[in-house]
Amino acid sequence: MNSRILGGLCAIAAFGLDQGTKALALNTPALENGVEVLPFLNLVRVLNDGVSFGMLGGVVPWWGLIALAAVIVAWLLIWLWKAPDRLTGAALGLIIGGALGNILDRVRYQAVPDFLDFHYGSYHWPSFNLADVAIFCGAALLLWDSFRAAKGNPENPDKDYRKGATSRE
């Protein structure tokens, strides 16, 4: 399976899981007041009109955030088309799928539904959703891959082990 197909499948999976879980969260009345699942995890319905952690909420209009996200997704799709390996393709697919999920929510609700509330005592991490998880995991995979690529092959530092070519070719 090539990197484009894998990336596309990861994008579809991230988008589908995100939209499915958001539909459940939006249609479960009990989540309006929050439901304790574990001593450190609540499910609670929140609409976030900003970006990560609610930043820029009310500062940038919802359509501006859609435009910015659409430009970023277009850039990621170009990167995916040129992805050198399956790990990069999967990582980009996760980011694209999560971003498309959040874009669709902004189009429909002018905000993004969040429902995962992790906490320790009275200290709460900002609520998030599975699109955010997919974006984070994709970014973490890209970061890990960049360290792996920088390390290269210790026996031949000029060789890019992922492509089978040397930097001098």
N, C-alpha and C. Protein backbone atom coordinates (compact mmCIF):
# COMPACT_ATOMS: atom_id res chain seq x y z
N MET A 1 0.85 -1.17 0.00
CA MET A 1 0.00 0.00 0.00
C MET A 1 0.90 1.24 0.00
N ASN A 2 0.65 2.16 -0.92
CA ASN A 2 1.52 3.32 -0.98
C ASN A 2 1.09 4.38 0.03
N SER A 3 1.92 5.40 0.19
CA SER A 3 1.72 6.42 1.22
C SER A 3 0.45 7.23 0.98
N ARG A 4 0.08 7.47 -0.26
CA ARG A 4 -1.13 8.25 -0.56
C ARG A 4 -2.39 7.50 -0.13
N ILE A 5 -2.44 6.22 -0.46
CA ILE A 5 -3.62 5.42 -0.10
C ILE A 5 -3.72 5.30 1.41
N LEU A 6 -2.60 5.01 2.06
CA LEU A 6 -2.61 4.89 3.52
C LEU A 6 -3.03 6.22 4.16
N GLY A 7 -2.50 7.31 3.66
CA GLY A 7 -2.88 8.62 4.17
C GLY A 7 -4.36 8.89 3.99
N GLY A 8 -4.89 8.54 2.82
CA GLY A 8 -6.32 8.71 2.57
C GLY A 8 -7.17 7.88 3.51
N LEU A 9 -6.77 6.63 3.74
CA LEU A 9 -7.51 5.77 4.66
C LEU A 9 -7.45 6.30 6.09
N CYS A 10 -6.29 6.80 6.50
CA CYS A 10 -6.17 7.38 7.84
C CYS A 10 -7.03 8.63 7.97
N ALA A 11 -7.09 9.44 6.91
CA ALA A 11 -7.92 10.64 6.93
C ALA A 11 -9.40 10.26 7.06
N ILE A 12 -9.83 9.27 6.29
CA ILE A 12 -11.23 8.83 6.34
C ILE A 12 -11.56 8.28 7.73
N ALA A 13 -10.66 7.46 8.29
CA ALA A 13 -10.90 6.89 9.62
C ALA A 13 -10.97 7.98 10.68
N ALA A 14 -10.02 8.92 10.66
CA ALA A 14 -10.02 10.00 11.66
C ALA A 14 -11.29 10.84 11.54
N PHE A 15 -11.65 11.18 10.31
CA PHE A 15 -12.85 11.99 10.07
C PHE A 15 -14.10 11.24 10.55
N GLY A 16 -14.22 9.98 10.19
CA GLY A 16 -15.40 9.20 10.56
C GLY A 16 -15.54 9.02 12.06
N LEU A 17 -14.45 8.64 12.73
CA LEU A 17 -14.50 8.48 14.19
C LEU A 17 -14.81 9.80 14.88
N ASP A 18 -14.21 10.87 14.39
CA ASP A 18 -14.47 12.18 14.98
C ASP A 18 -15.94 12.57 14.84
N GLN A 19 -16.47 12.48 13.63
CA GLN A 19 -17.85 12.90 13.42
C GLN A 19 -18.84 11.99 14.14
N GLY A 20 -18.54 10.70 14.20
CA GLY A 20 -19.41 9.77 14.92
C GLY A 20 -19.46 10.06 16.41
N THR A 21 -18.31 10.27 17.01
CA THR A 21 -18.28 10.55 18.45
C THR A 21 -18.88 11.92 18.77
N LYS A 22 -18.69 12.89 17.89
CA LYS A 22 -19.31 14.20 18.11
C LYS A 22 -20.82 14.11 18.00
N ALA A 23 -21.33 13.30 17.06
CA ALA A 23 -22.78 13.12 16.94
C ALA A 23 -23.34 12.51 18.23
N LEU A 24 -22.63 11.53 18.78
CA LEU A 24 -23.07 10.94 20.05
C LEU A 24 -23.05 11.99 21.16
N ALA A 25 -21.98 12.75 21.23
CA ALA A 25 -21.86 13.76 22.29
C ALA A 25 -22.95 14.83 22.17
N LEU A 26 -23.22 15.27 20.94
CA LEU A 26 -24.22 16.32 20.73
C LEU A 26 -25.64 15.82 20.99
N ASN A 27 -25.87 14.53 20.84
CA ASN A 27 -27.22 13.97 21.00
C ASN A 27 -27.42 13.23 22.32
N THR A 28 -26.52 13.43 23.28
CA THR A 28 -26.65 12.81 24.59
C THR A 28 -26.92 13.91 25.61
N PRO A 29 -28.17 14.06 26.02
CA PRO A 29 -28.52 15.16 26.93
C PRO A 29 -27.73 15.17 28.24
N ALA A 30 -27.35 14.00 28.74
CA ALA A 30 -26.64 13.94 30.02
C ALA A 30 -25.29 14.66 29.97
N LEU A 31 -24.71 14.79 28.77
CA LEU A 31 -23.39 15.42 28.67
C LEU A 31 -23.44 16.93 28.85
N GLU A 32 -24.63 17.49 28.83
CA GLU A 32 -24.74 18.93 29.05
C GLU A 32 -24.22 19.32 30.43
N ASN A 33 -24.48 18.48 31.42
CA ASN A 33 -23.99 18.73 32.78
C ASN A 33 -22.72 17.96 33.10
N GLY A 34 -22.31 17.08 32.21
CA GLY A 34 -21.11 16.29 32.41
C GLY A 34 -21.40 14.95 33.06
N VAL A 35 -20.64 13.95 32.66
CA VAL A 35 -20.77 12.60 33.20
C VAL A 35 -19.37 12.12 33.57
N GLU A 36 -19.19 11.69 34.81
CA GLU A 36 -17.90 11.16 35.22
C GLU A 36 -17.77 9.74 34.71
N VAL A 37 -16.69 9.49 33.94
CA VAL A 37 -16.43 8.16 33.41
C VAL A 37 -15.37 7.46 34.27
N LEU A 38 -14.33 8.18 34.60
CA LEU A 38 -13.25 7.71 35.45
C LEU A 38 -12.91 8.85 36.42
N PRO A 39 -12.18 8.57 37.48
CA PRO A 39 -11.85 9.64 38.42
C PRO A 39 -11.09 10.82 37.79
N PHE A 40 -10.54 10.62 36.60
CA PHE A 40 -9.78 11.68 35.93
C PHE A 40 -10.38 12.07 34.58
N LEU A 41 -11.55 11.51 34.22
CA LEU A 41 -12.14 11.76 32.91
C LEU A 41 -13.65 11.98 33.02
N ASN A 42 -14.08 13.12 32.52
CA ASN A 42 -15.50 13.41 32.38
C ASN A 42 -15.83 13.54 30.91
N LEU A 43 -17.06 13.23 30.55
CA LEU A 43 -17.58 13.54 29.23
C LEU A 43 -18.52 14.72 29.42
N VAL A 44 -18.23 15.80 28.74
CA VAL A 44 -19.03 17.02 28.88
C VAL A 44 -19.07 17.74 27.54
N ARG A 45 -20.26 18.20 27.17
CA ARG A 45 -20.42 18.86 25.88
C ARG A 45 -20.07 20.34 26.01
N VAL A 46 -19.11 20.77 25.18
CA VAL A 46 -18.66 22.17 25.15
C VAL A 46 -18.53 22.58 23.69
N LEU A 47 -18.95 23.78 23.34
CA LEU A 47 -18.74 24.30 22.00
C LEU A 47 -17.60 25.31 22.06
N ASN A 48 -16.54 25.04 21.31
CA ASN A 48 -15.33 25.86 21.30
C ASN A 48 -15.34 26.72 20.04
N ASP A 49 -15.44 28.04 20.21
CA ASP A 49 -15.44 28.92 19.04
C ASP A 49 -14.05 29.44 18.71
N GLY A 50 -13.05 28.96 19.43
CA GLY A 50 -11.67 29.35 19.14
C GLY A 50 -10.91 28.21 18.51
N VAL A 51 -9.60 28.25 18.64
CA VAL A 51 -8.75 27.16 18.17
C VAL A 51 -8.29 26.39 19.39
N SER A 52 -7.14 25.78 19.37
CA SER A 52 -6.66 24.98 20.49
C SER A 52 -6.80 25.72 21.81
N PHE A 53 -7.38 25.03 22.79
CA PHE A 53 -7.58 25.56 24.14
C PHE A 53 -8.44 26.82 24.15
N GLY A 54 -9.24 27.02 23.12
CA GLY A 54 -10.13 28.18 23.06
C GLY A 54 -9.44 29.47 22.67
N MET A 55 -8.15 29.40 22.29
CA MET A 55 -7.43 30.62 21.90
C MET A 55 -8.11 31.25 20.69
N LEU A 56 -8.09 32.53 20.62
CA LEU A 56 -8.67 33.33 19.54
C LEU A 56 -10.19 33.27 19.50
N GLY A 57 -10.82 32.66 20.51
CA GLY A 57 -12.27 32.61 20.55
C GLY A 57 -12.86 34.01 20.62
N GLY A 58 -13.75 34.30 19.69
CA GLY A 58 -14.38 35.60 19.64
C GLY A 58 -13.52 36.68 19.01
N VAL A 59 -12.25 36.38 18.74
CA VAL A 59 -11.34 37.35 18.14
C VAL A 59 -11.34 37.22 16.62
N VAL A 60 -11.21 35.99 16.14
CA VAL A 60 -11.22 35.70 14.71
C VAL A 60 -12.58 35.12 14.38
N PRO A 61 -13.27 35.62 13.35
CA PRO A 61 -14.59 35.07 13.00
C PRO A 61 -14.49 33.61 12.57
N TRP A 62 -15.56 32.87 12.76
CA TRP A 62 -15.56 31.44 12.45
C TRP A 62 -15.19 31.18 11.00
N TRP A 63 -15.62 32.02 10.09
CA TRP A 63 -15.30 31.81 8.68
C TRP A 63 -13.81 32.05 8.41
N GLY A 64 -13.17 32.91 9.21
CA GLY A 64 -11.73 33.12 9.08
C GLY A 64 -10.95 31.88 9.49
N LEU A 65 -11.44 31.22 10.55
CA LEU A 65 -10.79 29.98 10.99
C LEU A 65 -10.99 28.88 9.94
N ILE A 66 -12.14 28.86 9.28
CA ILE A 66 -12.38 27.88 8.21
C ILE A 66 -11.42 28.14 7.05
N ALA A 67 -11.28 29.40 6.67
CA ALA A 67 -10.39 29.74 5.55
C ALA A 67 -8.95 29.34 5.86
N LEU A 68 -8.50 29.66 7.07
CA LEU A 68 -7.13 29.30 7.48
C LEU A 68 -6.95 27.78 7.47
N ALA A 69 -7.90 27.06 8.03
CA ALA A 69 -7.80 25.60 8.08
C ALA A 69 -7.84 25.01 6.68
N ALA A 70 -8.64 25.57 5.79
CA ALA A 70 -8.73 25.05 4.42
C ALA A 70 -7.40 25.22 3.69
N VAL A 71 -6.73 26.35 3.90
CA VAL A 71 -5.42 26.57 3.28
C VAL A 71 -4.41 25.55 3.82
N ILE A 72 -4.46 25.33 5.13
CA ILE A 72 -3.54 24.36 5.74
C ILE A 72 -3.81 22.95 5.20
N VAL A 73 -5.08 22.57 5.09
CA VAL A 73 -5.42 21.23 4.56
C VAL A 73 -4.94 21.09 3.12
N ALA A 74 -5.10 22.14 2.32
CA ALA A 74 -4.62 22.09 0.93
C ALA A 74 -3.12 21.85 0.89
N TRP A 75 -2.38 22.55 1.74
CA TRP A 75 -0.92 22.38 1.82
C TRP A 75 -0.58 20.95 2.27
N LEU A 76 -1.33 20.42 3.24
CA LEU A 76 -1.08 19.06 3.72
C LEU A 76 -1.39 18.02 2.64
N LEU A 77 -2.41 18.28 1.82
CA LEU A 77 -2.73 17.36 0.72
C LEU A 77 -1.60 17.32 -0.31
N ILE A 78 -1.01 18.46 -0.59
CA ILE A 78 0.14 18.50 -1.51
C ILE A 78 1.30 17.71 -0.91
N TRP A 79 1.54 17.91 0.38
CA TRP A 79 2.60 17.18 1.07
C TRP A 79 2.31 15.67 1.03
N LEU A 80 1.05 15.29 1.27
CA LEU A 80 0.68 13.88 1.22
C LEU A 80 0.93 13.30 -0.17
N TRP A 81 0.62 14.04 -1.21
CA TRP A 81 0.83 13.57 -2.58
C TRP A 81 2.31 13.23 -2.82
N LYS A 82 3.20 13.99 -2.15
CA LYS A 82 4.64 13.80 -2.33
C LYS A 82 5.27 13.00 -1.18
N ALA A 83 4.46 12.46 -0.29
CA ALA A 83 4.97 11.79 0.91
C ALA A 83 5.98 10.71 0.55
N PRO A 84 7.14 10.72 1.18
CA PRO A 84 8.20 9.78 0.82
C PRO A 84 8.00 8.36 1.36
N ASP A 85 7.14 8.21 2.37
CA ASP A 85 6.96 6.89 2.96
C ASP A 85 5.59 6.77 3.61
N ARG A 86 5.26 5.57 4.05
CA ARG A 86 3.94 5.31 4.62
C ARG A 86 3.74 5.97 5.97
N LEU A 87 4.78 6.08 6.78
CA LEU A 87 4.64 6.74 8.08
C LEU A 87 4.24 8.20 7.89
N THR A 88 4.90 8.88 6.98
CA THR A 88 4.56 10.27 6.70
C THR A 88 3.14 10.35 6.15
N GLY A 89 2.77 9.44 5.26
CA GLY A 89 1.42 9.42 4.70
C GLY A 89 0.36 9.22 5.78
N ALA A 90 0.61 8.27 6.68
CA ALA A 90 -0.35 8.03 7.76
C ALA A 90 -0.47 9.24 8.67
N ALA A 91 0.65 9.83 9.01
CA ALA A 91 0.65 11.01 9.89
C ALA A 91 -0.12 12.16 9.25
N LEU A 92 0.16 12.43 7.98
CA LEU A 92 -0.54 13.51 7.28
C LEU A 92 -2.03 13.20 7.16
N GLY A 93 -2.37 11.94 6.91
CA GLY A 93 -3.77 11.55 6.83
C GLY A 93 -4.51 11.81 8.13
N LEU A 94 -3.89 11.49 9.26
CA LEU A 94 -4.52 11.76 10.56
C LEU A 94 -4.77 13.25 10.75
N ILE A 95 -3.78 14.06 10.41
CA ILE A 95 -3.94 15.51 10.56
C ILE A 95 -5.03 16.03 9.63
N ILE A 96 -5.02 15.58 8.38
CA ILE A 96 -6.02 16.03 7.41
C ILE A 96 -7.43 15.62 7.85
N GLY A 97 -7.60 14.38 8.27
CA GLY A 97 -8.92 13.91 8.71
C GLY A 97 -9.43 14.69 9.91
N GLY A 98 -8.56 14.93 10.88
CA GLY A 98 -8.97 15.71 12.05
C GLY A 98 -9.31 17.14 11.69
N ALA A 99 -8.49 17.74 10.83
CA ALA A 99 -8.75 19.12 10.42
C ALA A 99 -10.06 19.23 9.65
N LEU A 100 -10.33 18.27 8.75
CA LEU A 100 -11.58 18.30 8.00
C LEU A 100 -12.79 18.13 8.92
N GLY A 101 -12.65 17.31 9.95
CA GLY A 101 -13.73 17.16 10.93
C GLY A 101 -14.03 18.47 11.63
N ASN A 102 -12.99 19.19 12.03
CA ASN A 102 -13.20 20.46 12.71
C ASN A 102 -13.71 21.53 11.74
N ILE A 103 -13.28 21.48 10.48
CA ILE A 103 -13.79 22.43 9.48
C ILE A 103 -15.29 22.22 9.29
N LEU A 104 -15.71 20.97 9.14
CA LEU A 104 -17.13 20.69 8.97
C LEU A 104 -17.94 21.21 10.15
N ASP A 105 -17.43 21.03 11.36
CA ASP A 105 -18.13 21.53 12.54
C ASP A 105 -18.25 23.05 12.53
N ARG A 106 -17.21 23.73 12.11
CA ARG A 106 -17.27 25.19 12.05
C ARG A 106 -18.28 25.65 11.01
N VAL A 107 -18.39 24.91 9.91
CA VAL A 107 -19.40 25.25 8.90
C VAL A 107 -20.80 25.03 9.48
N ARG A 108 -21.01 23.92 10.17
CA ARG A 108 -22.34 23.59 10.69
C ARG A 108 -22.73 24.37 11.93
N TYR A 109 -21.78 24.56 12.88
CA TYR A 109 -22.12 25.12 14.19
C TYR A 109 -21.41 26.44 14.50
N GLN A 110 -20.52 26.89 13.62
CA GLN A 110 -19.67 28.05 13.86
C GLN A 110 -18.80 27.86 15.11
N ALA A 111 -18.61 26.62 15.48
CA ALA A 111 -17.78 26.24 16.64
C ALA A 111 -17.48 24.75 16.51
N VAL A 112 -16.62 24.26 17.38
CA VAL A 112 -16.24 22.85 17.36
C VAL A 112 -16.70 22.20 18.66
N PRO A 113 -17.50 21.12 18.58
CA PRO A 113 -17.91 20.42 19.80
C PRO A 113 -16.73 19.66 20.41
N ASP A 114 -16.50 19.90 21.68
CA ASP A 114 -15.49 19.16 22.45
C ASP A 114 -16.23 18.41 23.54
N PHE A 115 -15.69 17.26 23.96
CA PHE A 115 -16.40 16.49 24.98
C PHE A 115 -15.50 15.71 25.92
N LEU A 116 -14.22 15.61 25.65
CA LEU A 116 -13.30 14.88 26.53
C LEU A 116 -12.69 15.86 27.53
N ASP A 117 -12.94 15.63 28.80
CA ASP A 117 -12.49 16.52 29.87
C ASP A 117 -11.63 15.73 30.85
N PHE A 118 -10.31 15.81 30.67
CA PHE A 118 -9.38 15.16 31.59
C PHE A 118 -9.04 16.14 32.71
N HIS A 119 -8.92 15.61 33.92
CA HIS A 119 -8.64 16.49 35.06
C HIS A 119 -7.91 15.74 36.17
N TYR A 120 -7.29 16.53 37.02
CA TYR A 120 -6.68 16.02 38.24
C TYR A 120 -7.21 16.91 39.36
N GLY A 121 -8.08 16.35 40.18
CA GLY A 121 -8.72 17.17 41.20
C GLY A 121 -9.53 18.27 40.55
N SER A 122 -9.23 19.50 40.91
CA SER A 122 -9.97 20.64 40.33
C SER A 122 -9.24 21.25 39.14
N TYR A 123 -8.11 20.67 38.74
CA TYR A 123 -7.35 21.18 37.60
C TYR A 123 -7.77 20.44 36.34
N HIS A 124 -8.35 21.18 35.40
CA HIS A 124 -8.87 20.59 34.17
C HIS A 124 -8.03 20.97 32.97
N TRP A 125 -7.70 19.96 32.14
CA TRP A 125 -7.11 20.22 30.84
C TRP A 125 -8.24 20.73 29.96
N PRO A 126 -7.99 21.66 29.04
CA PRO A 126 -9.10 22.11 28.18
C PRO A 126 -9.74 20.93 27.43
N SER A 127 -11.05 20.97 27.32
CA SER A 127 -11.78 19.89 26.65
C SER A 127 -11.35 19.78 25.19
N PHE A 128 -11.43 18.56 24.67
CA PHE A 128 -11.04 18.33 23.28
C PHE A 128 -11.87 17.20 22.70
N ASN A 129 -11.61 16.85 21.44
CA ASN A 129 -12.39 15.82 20.75
C ASN A 129 -11.44 14.89 19.99
N LEU A 130 -12.00 13.93 19.26
CA LEU A 130 -11.14 12.96 18.56
C LEU A 130 -10.43 13.57 17.35
N ALA A 131 -10.96 14.65 16.78
CA ALA A 131 -10.22 15.34 15.71
C ALA A 131 -8.91 15.88 16.28
N ASP A 132 -8.99 16.44 17.48
CA ASP A 132 -7.79 16.96 18.13
C ASP A 132 -6.80 15.85 18.44
N VAL A 133 -7.31 14.70 18.83
CA VAL A 133 -6.45 13.54 19.10
C VAL A 133 -5.75 13.10 17.82
N ALA A 134 -6.50 13.04 16.71
CA ALA A 134 -5.91 12.64 15.43
C ALA A 134 -4.84 13.63 14.99
N ILE A 135 -5.12 14.92 15.13
CA ILE A 135 -4.15 15.95 14.75
C ILE A 135 -2.90 15.84 15.61
N PHE A 136 -3.08 15.66 16.91
CA PHE A 136 -1.93 15.52 17.81
C PHE A 136 -1.11 14.28 17.46
N CYS A 137 -1.78 13.15 17.25
CA CYS A 137 -1.05 11.91 16.93
C CYS A 137 -0.31 12.03 15.60
N GLY A 138 -0.94 12.65 14.61
CA GLY A 138 -0.27 12.86 13.33
C GLY A 138 0.95 13.74 13.47
N ALA A 139 0.81 14.82 14.23
CA ALA A 139 1.95 15.72 14.45
C ALA A 139 3.06 15.02 15.23
N ALA A 140 2.69 14.21 16.22
CA ALA A 140 3.69 13.46 16.99
C ALA A 140 4.43 12.47 16.10
N LEU A 141 3.72 11.80 15.19
CA LEU A 141 4.37 10.88 14.25
C LEU A 141 5.34 11.61 13.32
N LEU A 142 4.95 12.79 12.84
CA LEU A 142 5.85 13.58 11.99
C LEU A 142 7.10 14.00 12.77
N LEU A 143 6.91 14.40 14.02
CA LEU A 143 8.05 14.79 14.85
C LEU A 143 8.97 13.61 15.09
N TRP A 144 8.39 12.46 15.44
CA TRP A 144 9.18 11.25 15.66
C TRP A 144 9.94 10.87 14.40
N ASP A 145 9.26 10.95 13.26
CA ASP A 145 9.89 10.60 11.99
C ASP A 145 11.03 11.55 11.66
N SER A 146 10.89 12.82 12.03
CA SER A 146 11.97 13.77 11.74
C SER A 146 13.22 13.44 12.55
N PHE A 147 13.05 12.98 13.78
CA PHE A 147 14.20 12.57 14.58
C PHE A 147 14.80 11.28 14.03
N ARG A 148 13.93 10.39 13.60
CA ARG A 148 14.38 9.11 13.03
C ARG A 148 15.16 9.36 11.74
N ALA A 149 14.66 10.27 10.90
CA ALA A 149 15.33 10.57 9.63
C ALA A 149 16.65 11.29 9.87
N ALA A 150 16.68 12.17 10.87
CA ALA A 150 17.91 12.90 11.16
C ALA A 150 18.99 11.96 11.66
N LYS A 151 18.58 10.93 12.39
CA LYS A 151 19.55 9.96 12.90
C LYS A 151 20.15 9.17 11.75
N GLY A 152 19.29 8.81 10.78
CA GLY A 152 19.78 8.11 9.60
C GLY A 152 20.40 6.77 9.93
N ASN A 153 21.26 6.34 9.05
CA ASN A 153 21.94 5.07 9.19
C ASN A 153 23.35 5.36 9.73
N PRO A 154 23.67 4.89 10.94
CA PRO A 154 24.97 5.21 11.52
C PRO A 154 26.15 4.68 10.72
N GLU A 155 25.95 3.63 9.91
CA GLU A 155 27.05 3.09 9.12
C GLU A 155 27.36 3.96 7.90
N ASN A 156 26.35 4.67 7.40
CA ASN A 156 26.55 5.53 6.24
C ASN A 156 25.70 6.79 6.42
N PRO A 157 26.27 7.84 7.04
CA PRO A 157 25.48 9.03 7.35
C PRO A 157 24.96 9.76 6.12
N ASP A 158 25.53 9.51 4.93
CA ASP A 158 25.04 10.16 3.72
C ASP A 158 23.81 9.47 3.15
N LYS A 159 23.51 8.28 3.63
CA LYS A 159 22.41 7.52 3.04
C LYS A 159 21.09 7.82 3.77
N ASP A 160 20.06 8.12 3.00
CA ASP A 160 18.72 8.29 3.55
C ASP A 160 18.09 6.90 3.55
N TYR A 161 17.97 6.26 4.70
CA TYR A 161 17.54 4.88 4.81
C TYR A 161 16.10 4.70 4.32
N ARG A 162 15.29 5.77 4.27
CA ARG A 162 13.91 5.61 3.86
C ARG A 162 13.77 5.52 2.35
N LYS A 163 14.66 6.14 1.61
CA LYS A 163 14.54 6.17 0.15
C LYS A 163 15.54 5.25 -0.54
N GLY A 164 16.56 4.82 0.18
CA GLY A 164 17.55 3.94 -0.41
C GLY A 164 18.53 4.69 -1.30
N ALA A 165 18.58 6.00 -1.19
CA ALA A 165 19.49 6.81 -2.00
C ALA A 165 20.47 7.53 -1.09
N THR A 166 21.55 7.94 -1.66
CA THR A 166 22.52 8.75 -0.90
C THR A 166 22.33 10.20 -1.22
N SER A 167 22.78 11.05 -0.32
CA SER A 167 22.62 12.48 -0.54
C SER A 167 23.54 12.98 -1.66
N ARG A 168 24.50 12.17 -2.06
CA ARG A 168 25.43 12.58 -3.12
C ARG A 168 24.97 12.15 -4.51
N GLU A 169 23.89 11.35 -4.58
CA GLU A 169 23.41 10.86 -5.87
C GLU A 169 22.58 11.90 -6.57
